[in-house]
Amino acid sequence: MNTNWSGSEPSDPVGVLTRWETAGAVWRVIDHRGDRVTVGLYPCTGGEEVDRFTSADRALLHFLGDRRGSDD
């Protein structure tokens, strides 16, 4: 899966997370301040962070709700 946002925002952050989960990988909320969230992407082993992005996308905030990661 090609990521490399280097902290920038993907055009479809909810799609990124759902595809990431479907592939068996892990995502985690790193920071959530107000209307912005930073999400880290990790391999299925949960090892070192592969990439991350920050977004204020309303659909993403709704998708995340109170979840702190893909295992919530």
PDB file of N, CA and C in Angstrom:
ATOM      1  N   MET A   1       0.855  -1.179   0.000  1.00  0.00           N
ATOM      2  CA  MET A   1       0.000   0.000   0.000  1.00  0.00           C
ATOM      3  C   MET A   1       0.897   1.235   0.000  1.00  0.00           C
ATOM      4  N   ASN A   2       0.688   2.131  -0.917  1.00  0.00           N
ATOM      5  CA  ASN A   2       1.502   3.332  -1.020  1.00  0.00           C
ATOM      6  C   ASN A   2       0.937   4.416  -0.112  1.00  0.00           C
ATOM      7  N   THR A   3       1.753   4.895   0.811  1.00  0.00           N
ATOM      8  CA  THR A   3       1.315   5.959   1.703  1.00  0.00           C
ATOM      9  C   THR A   3       2.182   7.179   1.465  1.00  0.00           C
ATOM     10  N   ASN A   4       3.168   7.423   2.301  1.00  0.00           N
ATOM     11  CA  ASN A   4       4.088   8.555   2.168  1.00  0.00           C
ATOM     12  C   ASN A   4       3.405   9.905   2.119  1.00  0.00           C
ATOM     13  N   TRP A   5       2.546  10.169   3.084  1.00  0.00           N
ATOM     14  CA  TRP A   5       1.939  11.502   3.185  1.00  0.00           C
ATOM     15  C   TRP A   5       2.851  12.454   3.930  1.00  0.00           C
ATOM     16  N   SER A   6       3.796  11.892   4.679  1.00  0.00           N
ATOM     17  CA  SER A   6       4.737  12.706   5.459  1.00  0.00           C
ATOM     18  C   SER A   6       4.007  13.763   6.276  1.00  0.00           C
ATOM     19  N   GLY A   7       2.915  13.339   6.909  1.00  0.00           N
ATOM     20  CA  GLY A   7       2.164  14.246   7.757  1.00  0.00           C
ATOM     21  C   GLY A   7       1.102  15.042   7.039  1.00  0.00           C
ATOM     22  N   SER A   8       1.049  15.002   5.713  1.00  0.00           N
ATOM     23  CA  SER A   8      -0.003  15.726   4.995  1.00  0.00           C
ATOM     24  C   SER A   8      -1.284  14.897   4.997  1.00  0.00           C
ATOM     25  N   GLU A   9      -2.326  15.448   4.441  1.00  0.00           N
ATOM     26  CA  GLU A   9      -3.650  14.829   4.525  1.00  0.00           C
ATOM     27  C   GLU A   9      -4.019  14.084   3.248  1.00  0.00           C
ATOM     28  N   PRO A  10      -4.403  12.799   3.350  1.00  0.00           N
ATOM     29  CA  PRO A  10      -4.885  12.075   2.168  1.00  0.00           C
ATOM     30  C   PRO A  10      -6.254  12.595   1.752  1.00  0.00           C
ATOM     31  N   SER A  11      -6.618  12.395   0.501  1.00  0.00           N
ATOM     32  CA  SER A  11      -7.902  12.899   0.010  1.00  0.00           C
ATOM     33  C   SER A  11      -9.090  12.133   0.587  1.00  0.00           C
ATOM     34  N   ASP A  12      -8.909  10.869   0.968  1.00  0.00           N
ATOM     35  CA  ASP A  12      -9.990  10.055   1.534  1.00  0.00           C
ATOM     36  C   ASP A  12      -9.473   9.333   2.787  1.00  0.00           C
ATOM     37  N   PRO A  13      -9.356  10.047   3.909  1.00  0.00           N
ATOM     38  CA  PRO A  13      -8.772   9.424   5.097  1.00  0.00           C
ATOM     39  C   PRO A  13      -9.554   8.236   5.646  1.00  0.00           C
ATOM     40  N   VAL A  14     -10.884   8.251   5.538  1.00  0.00           N
ATOM     41  CA  VAL A  14     -11.673   7.099   6.007  1.00  0.00           C
ATOM     42  C   VAL A  14     -11.362   5.887   5.128  1.00  0.00           C
ATOM     43  N   GLY A  15     -11.276   6.107   3.830  1.00  0.00           N
ATOM     44  CA  GLY A  15     -10.923   5.028   2.910  1.00  0.00           C
ATOM     45  C   GLY A  15      -9.560   4.451   3.223  1.00  0.00           C
ATOM     46  N   VAL A  16      -8.614   5.313   3.562  1.00  0.00           N
ATOM     47  CA  VAL A  16      -7.267   4.848   3.930  1.00  0.00           C
ATOM     48  C   VAL A  16      -7.350   3.906   5.123  1.00  0.00           C
ATOM     49  N   LEU A  17      -8.071   4.318   6.156  1.00  0.00           N
ATOM     50  CA  LEU A  17      -8.144   3.491   7.372  1.00  0.00           C
ATOM     51  C   LEU A  17      -8.894   2.188   7.139  1.00  0.00           C
ATOM     52  N   THR A  18      -9.972   2.228   6.384  1.00  0.00           N
ATOM     53  CA  THR A  18     -10.718   0.982   6.137  1.00  0.00           C
ATOM     54  C   THR A  18      -9.899   0.023   5.278  1.00  0.00           C
ATOM     55  N   ARG A  19      -9.180   0.526   4.281  1.00  0.00           N
ATOM     56  CA  ARG A  19      -8.318  -0.345   3.475  1.00  0.00           C
ATOM     57  C   ARG A  19      -7.173  -0.889   4.322  1.00  0.00           C
ATOM     58  N   TRP A  20      -6.634  -0.064   5.189  1.00  0.00           N
ATOM     59  CA  TRP A  20      -5.543  -0.477   6.072  1.00  0.00           C
ATOM     60  C   TRP A  20      -6.004  -1.627   6.965  1.00  0.00           C
ATOM     61  N   GLU A  21      -7.195  -1.481   7.565  1.00  0.00           N
ATOM     62  CA  GLU A  21      -7.756  -2.546   8.414  1.00  0.00           C
ATOM     63  C   GLU A  21      -8.028  -3.812   7.612  1.00  0.00           C
ATOM     64  N   THR A  22      -8.616  -3.665   6.428  1.00  0.00           N
ATOM     65  CA  THR A  22      -8.943  -4.810   5.578  1.00  0.00           C
ATOM     66  C   THR A  22      -7.691  -5.601   5.227  1.00  0.00           C
ATOM     67  N   ALA A  23      -6.582  -4.896   5.078  1.00  0.00           N
ATOM     68  CA  ALA A  23      -5.310  -5.556   4.756  1.00  0.00           C
ATOM     69  C   ALA A  23      -4.687  -6.219   5.993  1.00  0.00           C
ATOM     70  N   GLY A  24      -5.321  -6.050   7.151  1.00  0.00           N
ATOM     71  CA  GLY A  24      -4.830  -6.674   8.372  1.00  0.00           C
ATOM     72  C   GLY A  24      -3.836  -5.822   9.139  1.00  0.00           C
ATOM     73  N   ALA A  25      -3.636  -4.597   8.692  1.00  0.00           N
ATOM     74  CA  ALA A  25      -2.705  -3.698   9.358  1.00  0.00           C
ATOM     75  C   ALA A  25      -3.414  -2.942  10.483  1.00  0.00           C
ATOM     76  N   VAL A  26      -2.660  -2.125  11.206  1.00  0.00           N
ATOM     77  CA  VAL A  26      -3.146  -1.462  12.407  1.00  0.00           C
ATOM     78  C   VAL A  26      -3.002   0.048  12.252  1.00  0.00           C
ATOM     79  N   TRP A  27      -3.990   0.792  12.751  1.00  0.00           N
ATOM     80  CA  TRP A  27      -3.857   2.248  12.834  1.00  0.00           C
ATOM     81  C   TRP A  27      -4.160   2.677  14.263  1.00  0.00           C
ATOM     82  N   ARG A  28      -3.560   3.794  14.652  1.00  0.00           N
ATOM     83  CA  ARG A  28      -3.768   4.325  16.002  1.00  0.00           C
ATOM     84  C   ARG A  28      -3.865   5.842  15.957  1.00  0.00           C
ATOM     85  N   VAL A  29      -4.746   6.389  16.783  1.00  0.00           N
ATOM     86  CA  VAL A  29      -4.835   7.841  16.938  1.00  0.00           C
ATOM     87  C   VAL A  29      -3.643   8.267  17.794  1.00  0.00           C
ATOM     88  N   ILE A  30      -2.817   9.138  17.239  1.00  0.00           N
ATOM     89  CA  ILE A  30      -1.634   9.623  17.942  1.00  0.00           C
ATOM     90  C   ILE A  30      -1.966  10.893  18.714  1.00  0.00           C
ATOM     91  N   ASP A  31      -2.763  11.747  18.104  1.00  0.00           N
ATOM     92  CA  ASP A  31      -3.112  13.019  18.731  1.00  0.00           C
ATOM     93  C   ASP A  31      -4.485  13.450  18.232  1.00  0.00           C
ATOM     94  N   HIS A  32      -5.303  13.963  19.124  1.00  0.00           N
ATOM     95  CA  HIS A  32      -6.629  14.470  18.755  1.00  0.00           C
ATOM     96  C   HIS A  32      -6.845  15.760  19.519  1.00  0.00           C
ATOM     97  N   ARG A  33      -6.770  16.865  18.795  1.00  0.00           N
ATOM     98  CA  ARG A  33      -6.953  18.186  19.401  1.00  0.00           C
ATOM     99  C   ARG A  33      -8.024  18.936  18.642  1.00  0.00           C
ATOM    100  N   GLY A  34      -9.114  19.193  19.322  1.00  0.00           N
ATOM    101  CA  GLY A  34     -10.205  19.924  18.685  1.00  0.00           C
ATOM    102  C   GLY A  34     -10.731  19.187  17.475  1.00  0.00           C
ATOM    103  N   ASP A  35     -10.630  19.833  16.316  1.00  0.00           N
ATOM    104  CA  ASP A  35     -11.174  19.240  15.092  1.00  0.00           C
ATOM    105  C   ASP A  35     -10.085  18.640  14.205  1.00  0.00           C
ATOM    106  N   ARG A  36      -8.908  18.373  14.746  1.00  0.00           N
ATOM    107  CA  ARG A  36      -7.810  17.768  13.988  1.00  0.00           C
ATOM    108  C   ARG A  36      -7.333  16.503  14.691  1.00  0.00           C
ATOM    109  N   VAL A  37      -7.036  15.505  13.888  1.00  0.00           N
ATOM    110  CA  VAL A  37      -6.564  14.234  14.434  1.00  0.00           C
ATOM    111  C   VAL A  37      -5.340  13.780  13.628  1.00  0.00           C
ATOM    112  N   THR A  38      -4.377  13.212  14.332  1.00  0.00           N
ATOM    113  CA  THR A  38      -3.211  12.612  13.685  1.00  0.00           C
ATOM    114  C   THR A  38      -3.293  11.113  13.905  1.00  0.00           C
ATOM    115  N   VAL A  39      -3.188  10.368  12.810  1.00  0.00           N
ATOM    116  CA  VAL A  39      -3.322   8.915  12.848  1.00  0.00           C
ATOM    117  C   VAL A  39      -2.023   8.285  12.357  1.00  0.00           C
ATOM    118  N   GLY A  40      -1.539   7.301  13.101  1.00  0.00           N
ATOM    119  CA  GLY A  40      -0.357   6.544  12.700  1.00  0.00           C
ATOM    120  C   GLY A  40      -0.764   5.221  12.085  1.00  0.00           C
ATOM    121  N   LEU A  41      -0.024   4.808  11.062  1.00  0.00           N
ATOM    122  CA  LEU A  41      -0.279   3.544  10.376  1.00  0.00           C
ATOM    123  C   LEU A  41       0.858   2.575  10.684  1.00  0.00           C
ATOM    124  N   TYR A  42       0.494   1.349  11.055  1.00  0.00           N
ATOM    125  CA  TYR A  42       1.458   0.353  11.509  1.00  0.00           C
ATOM    126  C   TYR A  42       1.235  -0.956  10.755  1.00  0.00           C
ATOM    127  N   PRO A  43       2.274  -1.793  10.649  1.00  0.00           N
ATOM    128  CA  PRO A  43       2.086  -3.102  10.012  1.00  0.00           C
ATOM    129  C   PRO A  43       1.194  -4.001  10.876  1.00  0.00           C
ATOM    130  N   CYS A  44       0.809  -5.130  10.337  1.00  0.00           N
ATOM    131  CA  CYS A  44      -0.089  -6.043  11.059  1.00  0.00           C
ATOM    132  C   CYS A  44       0.517  -6.509  12.377  1.00  0.00           C
ATOM    133  N   THR A  45       1.823  -6.468  12.503  1.00  0.00           N
ATOM    134  CA  THR A  45       2.484  -6.875  13.743  1.00  0.00           C
ATOM    135  C   THR A  45       2.387  -5.793  14.807  1.00  0.00           C
ATOM    136  N   GLY A  46       1.969  -4.582  14.409  1.00  0.00           N
ATOM    137  CA  GLY A  46       1.889  -3.466  15.341  1.00  0.00           C
ATOM    138  C   GLY A  46       3.248  -2.867  15.639  1.00  0.00           C
ATOM    139  N   GLY A  47       4.260  -3.234  14.870  1.00  0.00           N
ATOM    140  CA  GLY A  47       5.624  -2.763  15.085  1.00  0.00           C
ATOM    141  C   GLY A  47       5.791  -1.275  14.835  1.00  0.00           C
ATOM    142  N   GLU A  48       6.884  -0.902  14.202  1.00  0.00           N
ATOM    143  CA  GLU A  48       7.206   0.503  13.978  1.00  0.00           C
ATOM    144  C   GLU A  48       6.225   1.176  13.025  1.00  0.00           C
ATOM    145  N   GLU A  49       5.977   2.445  13.275  1.00  0.00           N
ATOM    146  CA  GLU A  49       5.079   3.237  12.436  1.00  0.00           C
ATOM    147  C   GLU A  49       5.586   3.273  10.994  1.00  0.00           C
ATOM    148  N   VAL A  50       4.656   3.028  10.054  1.00  0.00           N
ATOM    149  CA  VAL A  50       4.967   3.058   8.633  1.00  0.00           C
ATOM    150  C   VAL A  50       4.761   4.463   8.083  1.00  0.00           C
ATOM    151  N   ASP A  51       3.695   5.114   8.513  1.00  0.00           N
ATOM    152  CA  ASP A  51       3.369   6.462   8.047  1.00  0.00           C
ATOM    153  C   ASP A  51       2.363   7.067   9.008  1.00  0.00           C
ATOM    154  N   ARG A  52       2.057   8.344   8.787  1.00  0.00           N
ATOM    155  CA  ARG A  52       1.035   9.033   9.583  1.00  0.00           C
ATOM    156  C   ARG A  52       0.458  10.160   8.745  1.00  0.00           C
ATOM    157  N   PHE A  53      -0.732  10.594   9.135  1.00  0.00           N
ATOM    158  CA  PHE A  53      -1.330  11.765   8.504  1.00  0.00           C
ATOM    159  C   PHE A  53      -2.156  12.515   9.531  1.00  0.00           C
ATOM    160  N   THR A  54      -2.366  13.792   9.257  1.00  0.00           N
ATOM    161  CA  THR A  54      -3.196  14.658  10.093  1.00  0.00           C
ATOM    162  C   THR A  54      -4.346  15.155   9.242  1.00  0.00           C
ATOM    163  N   SER A  55      -5.545  15.167   9.826  1.00  0.00           N
ATOM    164  CA  SER A  55      -6.728  15.548   9.067  1.00  0.00           C
ATOM    165  C   SER A  55      -7.764  16.220   9.956  1.00  0.00           C
ATOM    166  N   ALA A  56      -8.552  17.084   9.343  1.00  0.00           N
ATOM    167  CA  ALA A  56      -9.707  17.690   9.992  1.00  0.00           C
ATOM    168  C   ALA A  56     -10.989  17.267   9.269  1.00  0.00           C
ATOM    169  N   ASP A  57     -10.897  16.204   8.495  1.00  0.00           N
ATOM    170  CA  ASP A  57     -12.029  15.705   7.719  1.00  0.00           C
ATOM    171  C   ASP A  57     -13.162  15.275   8.650  1.00  0.00           C
ATOM    172  N   ARG A  58     -14.351  15.837   8.444  1.00  0.00           N
ATOM    173  CA  ARG A  58     -15.497  15.528   9.318  1.00  0.00           C
ATOM    174  C   ARG A  58     -15.899  14.063   9.266  1.00  0.00           C
ATOM    175  N   ALA A  59     -15.828  13.470   8.072  1.00  0.00           N
ATOM    176  CA  ALA A  59     -16.174  12.053   7.953  1.00  0.00           C
ATOM    177  C   ALA A  59     -15.193  11.197   8.754  1.00  0.00           C
ATOM    178  N   LEU A  60     -13.928  11.570   8.756  1.00  0.00           N
ATOM    179  CA  LEU A  60     -12.934  10.839   9.536  1.00  0.00           C
ATOM    180  C   LEU A  60     -13.213  10.977  11.026  1.00  0.00           C
ATOM    181  N   LEU A  61     -13.487  12.192  11.477  1.00  0.00           N
ATOM    182  CA  LEU A  61     -13.772  12.407  12.896  1.00  0.00           C
ATOM    183  C   LEU A  61     -14.996  11.604  13.325  1.00  0.00           C
ATOM    184  N   HIS A  62     -16.003  11.540  12.468  1.00  0.00           N
ATOM    185  CA  HIS A  62     -17.203  10.743  12.759  1.00  0.00           C
ATOM    186  C   HIS A  62     -16.849   9.250  12.787  1.00  0.00           C
ATOM    187  N   PHE A  63     -16.073   8.791  11.822  1.00  0.00           N
ATOM    188  CA  PHE A  63     -15.650   7.394  11.740  1.00  0.00           C
ATOM    189  C   PHE A  63     -14.878   6.989  13.000  1.00  0.00           C
ATOM    190  N   LEU A  64     -13.994   7.861  13.460  1.00  0.00           N
ATOM    191  CA  LEU A  64     -13.180   7.554  14.630  1.00  0.00           C
ATOM    192  C   LEU A  64     -14.001   7.557  15.910  1.00  0.00           C
ATOM    193  N   GLY A  65     -14.895   8.528  16.054  1.00  0.00           N
ATOM    194  CA  GLY A  65     -15.666   8.634  17.291  1.00  0.00           C
ATOM    195  C   GLY A  65     -14.728   8.664  18.482  1.00  0.00           C
ATOM    196  N   ASP A  66     -14.922   7.735  19.429  1.00  0.00           N
ATOM    197  CA  ASP A  66     -14.061   7.633  20.613  1.00  0.00           C
ATOM    198  C   ASP A  66     -12.961   6.582  20.450  1.00  0.00           C
ATOM    199  N   ARG A  67     -12.883   5.968  19.268  1.00  0.00           N
ATOM    200  CA  ARG A  67     -11.883   4.932  19.049  1.00  0.00           C
ATOM    201  C   ARG A  67     -10.469   5.507  19.105  1.00  0.00           C
ATOM    202  N   ARG A  68      -9.562   4.761  19.670  1.00  0.00           N
ATOM    203  CA  ARG A  68      -8.153   5.163  19.738  1.00  0.00           C
ATOM    204  C   ARG A  68      -7.306   4.353  18.772  1.00  0.00           C
ATOM    205  N   GLY A  69      -7.922   3.352  18.145  1.00  0.00           N
ATOM    206  CA  GLY A  69      -7.176   2.525  17.202  1.00  0.00           C
ATOM    207  C   GLY A  69      -8.056   1.519  16.522  1.00  0.00           C
ATOM    208  N   SER A  70      -7.483   0.811  15.557  1.00  0.00           N
ATOM    209  CA  SER A  70      -8.255  -0.156  14.784  1.00  0.00           C
ATOM    210  C   SER A  70      -8.686  -1.355  15.616  1.00  0.00           C
ATOM    211  N   ASP A  71      -8.075  -1.549  16.769  1.00  0.00           N
ATOM    212  CA  ASP A  71      -8.471  -2.683  17.609  1.00  0.00           C
ATOM    213  C   ASP A  71      -9.543  -2.313  18.639  1.00  0.00           C
ATOM    214  N   ASP A  72     -10.046  -1.078  18.596  1.00  0.00           N
ATOM    215  CA  ASP A  72     -11.143  -0.654  19.489  1.00  0.00           C
ATOM    216  C   ASP A  72     -12.488  -1.056  18.910  1.00  0.00           C
TER     217      ASP A  72
END
